[in-house]
Amino acid sequence: MFIISLLVLVVILAISAVASHSGKHTGSFSGKRSRSPQKTYYRFDKPPTDSQRTEFKPISERQPESLPQRPKVYVAKVDWIIDGDTLMVSNELFSRRRIRLDSIDCPEDGQPWGDTAKFGLIKIVGRKQVKIEDYGEDCYGRTLATLYVKQKDGSWLNVNERMVMLGHAWVMRMYYRHLPKHRRDKLNQLENWAKRKKVGLWRHPNPVPPWNWRKSDSC
């Protein structure tokens, strides 16, 4: 009897030892195997998927937050020409308004080809009714505009573009981004054509742009 009791005690002690050893690995007596720790992937641990990628564009190529408003359009009569890109107009709504041809720059008074550019504008619009695309005023209070004059066939001629094509003006690329792309492209094409054909001011070997001719500009 004593021997049987001793054997039972040994078995109980053995079972206790085994259970204690298993508890060091599981932390409990549930009998479940513990999982090995797994790596946590944070936001930048993996490369983004195609749907998450955002193409970077330089500031100069980004779409502006708000596009310019559509220009006001009205008709007026040309009263007189000041120079190749500036003139005075009037209609029944206003007695007098100074217009500056938008996106182009003609030679200044006293600059080579300045008088010729002025007479070129007189020939196109002098004393005529013109349609005006009004883009607002510049810092001198002049109305920036694209002018159109009616042709004999009833079509409207873009005066700003015609001045460039005749070699009377440079394209002002710093100030024409409000225009639709096809209008900007056409201005560039007309200036390049006038250069190649040596039309107007491009007959000179080294014509000086008006913005370099002017000594100062507070605008």
C-alpha atoms as a PDB file:
ATOM      1  CA  MET A   1       0.000   0.000   0.000  1.00  0.00           C
ATOM      2  CA  PHE A   2       2.819   2.336   0.865  1.00  0.00           C
ATOM      3  CA  ILE A   3       4.463   1.596  -2.476  1.00  0.00           C
ATOM      4  CA  ILE A   4       1.242   2.433  -4.386  1.00  0.00           C
ATOM      5  CA  SER A   5       0.888   5.739  -2.530  1.00  0.00           C
ATOM      6  CA  LEU A   6       4.514   6.578  -3.335  1.00  0.00           C
ATOM      7  CA  LEU A   7       3.958   5.869  -7.062  1.00  0.00           C
ATOM      8  CA  VAL A   8       0.853   8.101  -7.164  1.00  0.00           C
ATOM      9  CA  LEU A   9       2.838  10.920  -5.538  1.00  0.00           C
ATOM     10  CA  VAL A  10       5.627  10.560  -8.107  1.00  0.00           C
ATOM     11  CA  VAL A  11       3.109  10.717 -10.989  1.00  0.00           C
ATOM     12  CA  ILE A  12       1.476  13.854  -9.503  1.00  0.00           C
ATOM     13  CA  LEU A  13       4.867  15.564  -9.150  1.00  0.00           C
ATOM     14  CA  ALA A  14       5.782  14.652 -12.747  1.00  0.00           C
ATOM     15  CA  ILE A  15       2.520  16.081 -14.093  1.00  0.00           C
ATOM     16  CA  SER A  16       3.058  19.299 -12.123  1.00  0.00           C
ATOM     17  CA  ALA A  17       6.588  19.651 -13.510  1.00  0.00           C
ATOM     18  CA  VAL A  18       5.378  19.219 -17.109  1.00  0.00           C
ATOM     19  CA  ALA A  19       2.579  21.783 -16.636  1.00  0.00           C
ATOM     20  CA  SER A  20       4.972  24.299 -15.121  1.00  0.00           C
ATOM     21  CA  HIS A  21       7.392  23.937 -18.041  1.00  0.00           C
ATOM     22  CA  SER A  22       4.589  24.462 -20.607  1.00  0.00           C
ATOM     23  CA  GLY A  23       3.381  27.626 -18.813  1.00  0.00           C
ATOM     24  CA  LYS A  24       6.685  29.375 -19.458  1.00  0.00           C
ATOM     25  CA  HIS A  25       5.934  29.321 -23.199  1.00  0.00           C
ATOM     26  CA  THR A  26       2.198  29.873 -23.293  1.00  0.00           C
ATOM     27  CA  GLY A  27       1.704  32.111 -20.301  1.00  0.00           C
ATOM     28  CA  SER A  28      -1.410  30.125 -19.436  1.00  0.00           C
ATOM     29  CA  PHE A  29      -2.764  26.639 -19.228  1.00  0.00           C
ATOM     30  CA  SER A  30      -5.088  27.094 -22.198  1.00  0.00           C
ATOM     31  CA  GLY A  31      -2.980  24.743 -24.303  1.00  0.00           C
ATOM     32  CA  LYS A  32      -2.874  27.236 -27.267  1.00  0.00           C
ATOM     33  CA  ARG A  33       0.404  27.864 -29.060  1.00  0.00           C
ATOM     34  CA  SER A  34       1.619  31.439 -28.914  1.00  0.00           C
ATOM     35  CA  ARG A  35       2.194  33.174 -32.226  1.00  0.00           C
ATOM     36  CA  SER A  36       5.550  34.624 -33.056  1.00  0.00           C
ATOM     37  CA  PRO A  37       5.527  38.428 -33.193  1.00  0.00           C
ATOM     38  CA  GLN A  38       4.812  39.746 -36.702  1.00  0.00           C
ATOM     39  CA  LYS A  39       6.142  42.898 -38.365  1.00  0.00           C
ATOM     40  CA  THR A  40       3.727  45.850 -38.473  1.00  0.00           C
ATOM     41  CA  TYR A  41       3.786  47.709 -41.796  1.00  0.00           C
ATOM     42  CA  TYR A  42       3.276  51.412 -41.385  1.00  0.00           C
ATOM     43  CA  ARG A  43       2.306  53.883 -44.111  1.00  0.00           C
ATOM     44  CA  PHE A  44       5.762  54.197 -45.703  1.00  0.00           C
ATOM     45  CA  ASP A  45       7.018  50.619 -45.158  1.00  0.00           C
ATOM     46  CA  LYS A  46       5.583  49.559 -48.532  1.00  0.00           C
ATOM     47  CA  PRO A  47       5.633  51.479 -51.815  1.00  0.00           C
ATOM     48  CA  PRO A  48       2.238  53.005 -52.690  1.00  0.00           C
ATOM     49  CA  THR A  49       0.046  51.271 -55.200  1.00  0.00           C
ATOM     50  CA  ASP A  50      -0.686  52.873 -58.593  1.00  0.00           C
ATOM     51  CA  SER A  51      -3.961  54.242 -57.250  1.00  0.00           C
ATOM     52  CA  GLN A  52      -2.117  55.936 -54.381  1.00  0.00           C
ATOM     53  CA  ARG A  53       0.594  57.575 -56.488  1.00  0.00           C
ATOM     54  CA  THR A  54       0.249  61.281 -57.242  1.00  0.00           C
ATOM     55  CA  GLU A  55       2.226  62.657 -60.159  1.00  0.00           C
ATOM     56  CA  PHE A  56       4.364  65.625 -59.137  1.00  0.00           C
ATOM     57  CA  LYS A  57       4.333  68.668 -61.358  1.00  0.00           C
ATOM     58  CA  PRO A  58       6.399  71.853 -61.005  1.00  0.00           C
ATOM     59  CA  ILE A  59       4.460  74.930 -59.949  1.00  0.00           C
ATOM     60  CA  SER A  60       4.770  76.399 -63.430  1.00  0.00           C
ATOM     61  CA  GLU A  61       2.891  73.405 -64.907  1.00  0.00           C
ATOM     62  CA  ARG A  62       0.117  73.164 -62.326  1.00  0.00           C
ATOM     63  CA  GLN A  63      -3.394  74.240 -63.109  1.00  0.00           C
ATOM     64  CA  PRO A  64      -4.142  77.625 -61.476  1.00  0.00           C
ATOM     65  CA  GLU A  65      -6.629  77.480 -58.604  1.00  0.00           C
ATOM     66  CA  SER A  66      -9.019  79.826 -60.380  1.00  0.00           C
ATOM     67  CA  LEU A  67      -9.081  80.699 -64.056  1.00  0.00           C
ATOM     68  CA  PRO A  68      -9.580  84.315 -65.171  1.00  0.00           C
ATOM     69  CA  GLN A  69     -13.168  85.343 -65.753  1.00  0.00           C
ATOM     70  CA  ARG A  70     -14.469  85.538 -69.309  1.00  0.00           C
ATOM     71  CA  PRO A  71     -13.646  88.913 -70.869  1.00  0.00           C
ATOM     72  CA  LYS A  72     -16.333  91.527 -71.344  1.00  0.00           C
ATOM     73  CA  VAL A  73     -17.154  92.088 -75.016  1.00  0.00           C
ATOM     74  CA  TYR A  74     -18.510  95.333 -76.468  1.00  0.00           C
ATOM     75  CA  VAL A  75     -18.287  97.528 -79.573  1.00  0.00           C
ATOM     76  CA  ALA A  76     -16.729 100.987 -79.724  1.00  0.00           C
ATOM     77  CA  LYS A  77     -15.406 103.479 -82.238  1.00  0.00           C
ATOM     78  CA  VAL A  78     -11.690 104.226 -82.542  1.00  0.00           C
ATOM     79  CA  ASP A  79     -11.130 107.947 -81.938  1.00  0.00           C
ATOM     80  CA  TRP A  80      -7.371 108.127 -82.388  1.00  0.00           C
ATOM     81  CA  ILE A  81      -4.180 106.101 -82.221  1.00  0.00           C
ATOM     82  CA  ILE A  82      -1.548 106.946 -79.616  1.00  0.00           C
ATOM     83  CA  ASP A  83       1.111 104.416 -80.678  1.00  0.00           C
ATOM     84  CA  GLY A  84       1.367 100.936 -82.130  1.00  0.00           C
ATOM     85  CA  ASP A  85      -0.374  99.218 -79.213  1.00  0.00           C
ATOM     86  CA  THR A  86      -2.392 101.999 -77.546  1.00  0.00           C
ATOM     87  CA  LEU A  87      -5.517 103.822 -78.768  1.00  0.00           C
ATOM     88  CA  MET A  88      -8.584 105.722 -77.556  1.00  0.00           C
ATOM     89  CA  VAL A  89     -12.131 104.482 -78.135  1.00  0.00           C
ATOM     90  CA  SER A  90     -15.630 105.615 -77.185  1.00  0.00           C
ATOM     91  CA  ASN A  91     -19.263 104.464 -77.403  1.00  0.00           C
ATOM     92  CA  GLU A  92     -22.651 105.345 -75.947  1.00  0.00           C
ATOM     93  CA  LEU A  93     -21.701 103.813 -72.571  1.00  0.00           C
ATOM     94  CA  PHE A  94     -18.472 105.774 -72.011  1.00  0.00           C
ATOM     95  CA  SER A  95     -17.102 108.972 -73.503  1.00  0.00           C
ATOM     96  CA  ARG A  96     -13.470 107.917 -73.756  1.00  0.00           C
ATOM     97  CA  ARG A  97     -11.413 104.830 -72.887  1.00  0.00           C
ATOM     98  CA  ARG A  98      -7.707 104.095 -73.358  1.00  0.00           C
ATOM     99  CA  ILE A  99      -7.090 100.638 -74.796  1.00  0.00           C
ATOM    100  CA  ARG A 100      -3.807  98.735 -74.587  1.00  0.00           C
ATOM    101  CA  LEU A 101      -3.544  95.824 -77.037  1.00  0.00           C
ATOM    102  CA  ASP A 102      -3.247  92.711 -74.892  1.00  0.00           C
ATOM    103  CA  SER A 103      -0.354  90.202 -75.030  1.00  0.00           C
ATOM    104  CA  ILE A 104       1.721  92.139 -77.591  1.00  0.00           C
ATOM    105  CA  ASP A 105       4.258  94.973 -77.381  1.00  0.00           C
ATOM    106  CA  CYS A 106       5.099  97.409 -80.182  1.00  0.00           C
ATOM    107  CA  PRO A 107       8.218  99.578 -80.470  1.00  0.00           C
ATOM    108  CA  GLU A 108       8.078 102.770 -78.410  1.00  0.00           C
ATOM    109  CA  ASP A 109       8.028 106.347 -79.710  1.00  0.00           C
ATOM    110  CA  GLY A 110      11.574 107.188 -80.740  1.00  0.00           C
ATOM    111  CA  GLN A 111      12.474 103.524 -81.078  1.00  0.00           C
ATOM    112  CA  PRO A 112      13.214 102.122 -84.542  1.00  0.00           C
ATOM    113  CA  TRP A 113       9.994 101.017 -86.231  1.00  0.00           C
ATOM    114  CA  GLY A 114       7.850 102.797 -83.606  1.00  0.00           C
ATOM    115  CA  ASP A 115       6.254 105.238 -86.075  1.00  0.00           C
ATOM    116  CA  THR A 116       5.768 102.506 -88.664  1.00  0.00           C
ATOM    117  CA  ALA A 117       3.941 100.320 -86.126  1.00  0.00           C
ATOM    118  CA  LYS A 118       1.699 103.267 -85.219  1.00  0.00           C
ATOM    119  CA  PHE A 119       0.763 103.906 -88.852  1.00  0.00           C
ATOM    120  CA  GLY A 120       0.208 100.181 -89.297  1.00  0.00           C
ATOM    121  CA  LEU A 121      -2.422 100.223 -86.528  1.00  0.00           C
ATOM    122  CA  ILE A 122      -4.023 103.381 -88.015  1.00  0.00           C
ATOM    123  CA  LYS A 123      -4.355 101.571 -91.347  1.00  0.00           C
ATOM    124  CA  ILE A 124      -6.121  98.593 -89.724  1.00  0.00           C
ATOM    125  CA  VAL A 125      -8.537 100.297 -87.264  1.00  0.00           C
ATOM    126  CA  GLY A 126      -8.373 104.064 -87.733  1.00  0.00           C
ATOM    127  CA  ARG A 127     -11.848 105.662 -87.268  1.00  0.00           C
ATOM    128  CA  LYS A 128     -13.504 102.248 -87.463  1.00  0.00           C
ATOM    129  CA  GLN A 129     -15.936 100.349 -85.276  1.00  0.00           C
ATOM    130  CA  VAL A 130     -14.132  97.594 -83.368  1.00  0.00           C
ATOM    131  CA  LYS A 131     -15.203  94.718 -81.169  1.00  0.00           C
ATOM    132  CA  ILE A 132     -13.323  94.684 -77.871  1.00  0.00           C
ATOM    133  CA  GLU A 133     -12.499  91.748 -75.582  1.00  0.00           C
ATOM    134  CA  ASP A 134     -11.905  93.548 -72.292  1.00  0.00           C
ATOM    135  CA  TYR A 135      -9.589  91.751 -69.806  1.00  0.00           C
ATOM    136  CA  GLY A 136      -9.559  94.525 -67.199  1.00  0.00           C
ATOM    137  CA  GLU A 137      -7.123  97.320 -66.434  1.00  0.00           C
ATOM    138  CA  ASP A 138      -3.362  97.334 -65.988  1.00  0.00           C
ATOM    139  CA  CYS A 139      -1.523  99.336 -63.322  1.00  0.00           C
ATOM    140  CA  TYR A 140      -1.651 102.444 -65.542  1.00  0.00           C
ATOM    141  CA  GLY A 141      -5.441 102.374 -65.805  1.00  0.00           C
ATOM    142  CA  ARG A 142      -5.436 101.222 -69.430  1.00  0.00           C
ATOM    143  CA  THR A 143      -7.913  98.589 -70.563  1.00  0.00           C
ATOM    144  CA  LEU A 144      -6.131  95.447 -71.715  1.00  0.00           C
ATOM    145  CA  ALA A 145      -7.980  94.079 -74.717  1.00  0.00           C
ATOM    146  CA  THR A 146      -7.981  92.071 -77.901  1.00  0.00           C
ATOM    147  CA  LEU A 147      -9.487  94.068 -80.771  1.00  0.00           C
ATOM    148  CA  TYR A 148     -11.435  92.796 -83.761  1.00  0.00           C
ATOM    149  CA  VAL A 149     -12.310  94.772 -86.883  1.00  0.00           C
ATOM    150  CA  LYS A 150     -14.932  93.693 -89.374  1.00  0.00           C
ATOM    151  CA  GLN A 151     -13.738  92.687 -92.843  1.00  0.00           C
ATOM    152  CA  LYS A 152     -15.553  93.238 -96.142  1.00  0.00           C
ATOM    153  CA  ASP A 153     -16.667  89.595 -96.149  1.00  0.00           C
ATOM    154  CA  GLY A 154     -18.266  90.034 -92.709  1.00  0.00           C
ATOM    155  CA  SER A 155     -15.606  88.140 -90.766  1.00  0.00           C
ATOM    156  CA  TRP A 156     -13.820  89.639 -87.743  1.00  0.00           C
ATOM    157  CA  LEU A 157     -10.056  90.170 -87.968  1.00  0.00           C
ATOM    158  CA  ASN A 158      -7.996  89.765 -84.770  1.00  0.00           C
ATOM    159  CA  VAL A 159      -6.033  93.039 -84.685  1.00  0.00           C
ATOM    160  CA  ASN A 160      -3.497  91.894 -82.072  1.00  0.00           C
ATOM    161  CA  GLU A 161      -2.560  88.879 -84.181  1.00  0.00           C
ATOM    162  CA  ARG A 162      -2.398  90.951 -87.362  1.00  0.00           C
ATOM    163  CA  MET A 163       0.060  93.403 -85.758  1.00  0.00           C
ATOM    164  CA  VAL A 164       2.351  90.490 -84.895  1.00  0.00           C
ATOM    165  CA  MET A 165       2.048  88.964 -88.374  1.00  0.00           C
ATOM    166  CA  LEU A 166       2.929  92.279 -90.044  1.00  0.00           C
ATOM    167  CA  GLY A 167       6.078  92.523 -87.939  1.00  0.00           C
ATOM    168  CA  HIS A 168       4.850  95.490 -85.913  1.00  0.00           C
ATOM    169  CA  ALA A 169       4.956  93.797 -82.493  1.00  0.00           C
ATOM    170  CA  TRP A 170       6.536  91.218 -80.224  1.00  0.00           C
ATOM    171  CA  VAL A 171       4.504  88.608 -78.343  1.00  0.00           C
ATOM    172  CA  MET A 172       4.534  89.252 -74.583  1.00  0.00           C
ATOM    173  CA  ARG A 173       4.760  85.656 -73.335  1.00  0.00           C
ATOM    174  CA  MET A 174       5.017  86.710 -69.715  1.00  0.00           C
ATOM    175  CA  TYR A 175       1.532  88.202 -69.906  1.00  0.00           C
ATOM    176  CA  TYR A 176      -0.514  85.991 -72.218  1.00  0.00           C
ATOM    177  CA  ARG A 177      -1.227  82.906 -70.087  1.00  0.00           C
ATOM    178  CA  HIS A 178      -4.854  83.984 -69.581  1.00  0.00           C
ATOM    179  CA  LEU A 179      -5.481  83.352 -73.272  1.00  0.00           C
ATOM    180  CA  PRO A 180      -6.653  79.932 -74.510  1.00  0.00           C
ATOM    181  CA  LYS A 181      -3.811  77.679 -75.640  1.00  0.00           C
ATOM    182  CA  HIS A 182      -4.776  77.834 -79.313  1.00  0.00           C
ATOM    183  CA  ARG A 183      -4.604  81.650 -79.178  1.00  0.00           C
ATOM    184  CA  ARG A 184      -1.171  81.571 -77.546  1.00  0.00           C
ATOM    185  CA  ASP A 185       0.042  79.046 -80.110  1.00  0.00           C
ATOM    186  CA  LYS A 186      -1.172  81.197 -82.986  1.00  0.00           C
ATOM    187  CA  LEU A 187       0.603  84.303 -81.646  1.00  0.00           C
ATOM    188  CA  ASN A 188       3.828  82.308 -81.376  1.00  0.00           C
ATOM    189  CA  GLN A 189       3.423  80.914 -84.897  1.00  0.00           C
ATOM    190  CA  LEU A 190       2.791  84.358 -86.368  1.00  0.00           C
ATOM    191  CA  GLU A 191       5.846  85.848 -84.654  1.00  0.00           C
ATOM    192  CA  ASN A 192       8.044  82.965 -85.817  1.00  0.00           C
ATOM    193  CA  TRP A 193       6.706  83.372 -89.368  1.00  0.00           C
ATOM    194  CA  ALA A 194       7.452  87.118 -89.341  1.00  0.00           C
ATOM    195  CA  LYS A 195      10.989  86.427 -88.098  1.00  0.00           C
ATOM    196  CA  ARG A 196      11.683  83.844 -90.798  1.00  0.00           C
ATOM    197  CA  LYS A 197      10.309  86.086 -93.541  1.00  0.00           C
ATOM    198  CA  LYS A 198      12.026  89.175 -92.074  1.00  0.00           C
ATOM    199  CA  VAL A 199       8.765  91.091 -92.090  1.00  0.00           C
ATOM    200  CA  GLY A 200       8.510  94.559 -90.530  1.00  0.00           C
ATOM    201  CA  LEU A 201      10.831  95.222 -87.602  1.00  0.00           C
ATOM    202  CA  TRP A 202      12.510  91.844 -88.180  1.00  0.00           C
ATOM    203  CA  ARG A 203      14.289  93.363 -91.189  1.00  0.00           C
ATOM    204  CA  HIS A 204      16.700  94.891 -88.704  1.00  0.00           C
ATOM    205  CA  PRO A 205      19.632  92.618 -87.855  1.00  0.00           C
ATOM    206  CA  ASN A 206      19.145  92.932 -84.089  1.00  0.00           C
ATOM    207  CA  PRO A 207      15.776  94.484 -83.108  1.00  0.00           C
ATOM    208  CA  VAL A 208      15.506  95.483 -79.434  1.00  0.00           C
ATOM    209  CA  PRO A 209      12.322  94.470 -77.594  1.00  0.00           C
ATOM    210  CA  PRO A 210      10.432  97.455 -76.148  1.00  0.00           C
ATOM    211  CA  TRP A 211      10.738  96.158 -72.570  1.00  0.00           C
ATOM    212  CA  ASN A 212      14.515  96.402 -72.933  1.00  0.00           C
ATOM    213  CA  TRP A 213      14.277  99.785 -74.622  1.00  0.00           C
ATOM    214  CA  ARG A 214      12.297 101.280 -71.764  1.00  0.00           C
ATOM    215  CA  LYS A 215      14.587 102.523 -69.016  1.00  0.00           C
ATOM    216  CA  SER A 216      12.240 101.746 -66.133  1.00  0.00           C
ATOM    217  CA  ASP A 217       8.829 100.266 -65.504  1.00  0.00           C
ATOM    218  CA  SER A 218       7.060 100.623 -62.160  1.00  0.00           C
ATOM    219  CA  CYS A 219       4.301  98.212 -63.154  1.00  0.00           C
END
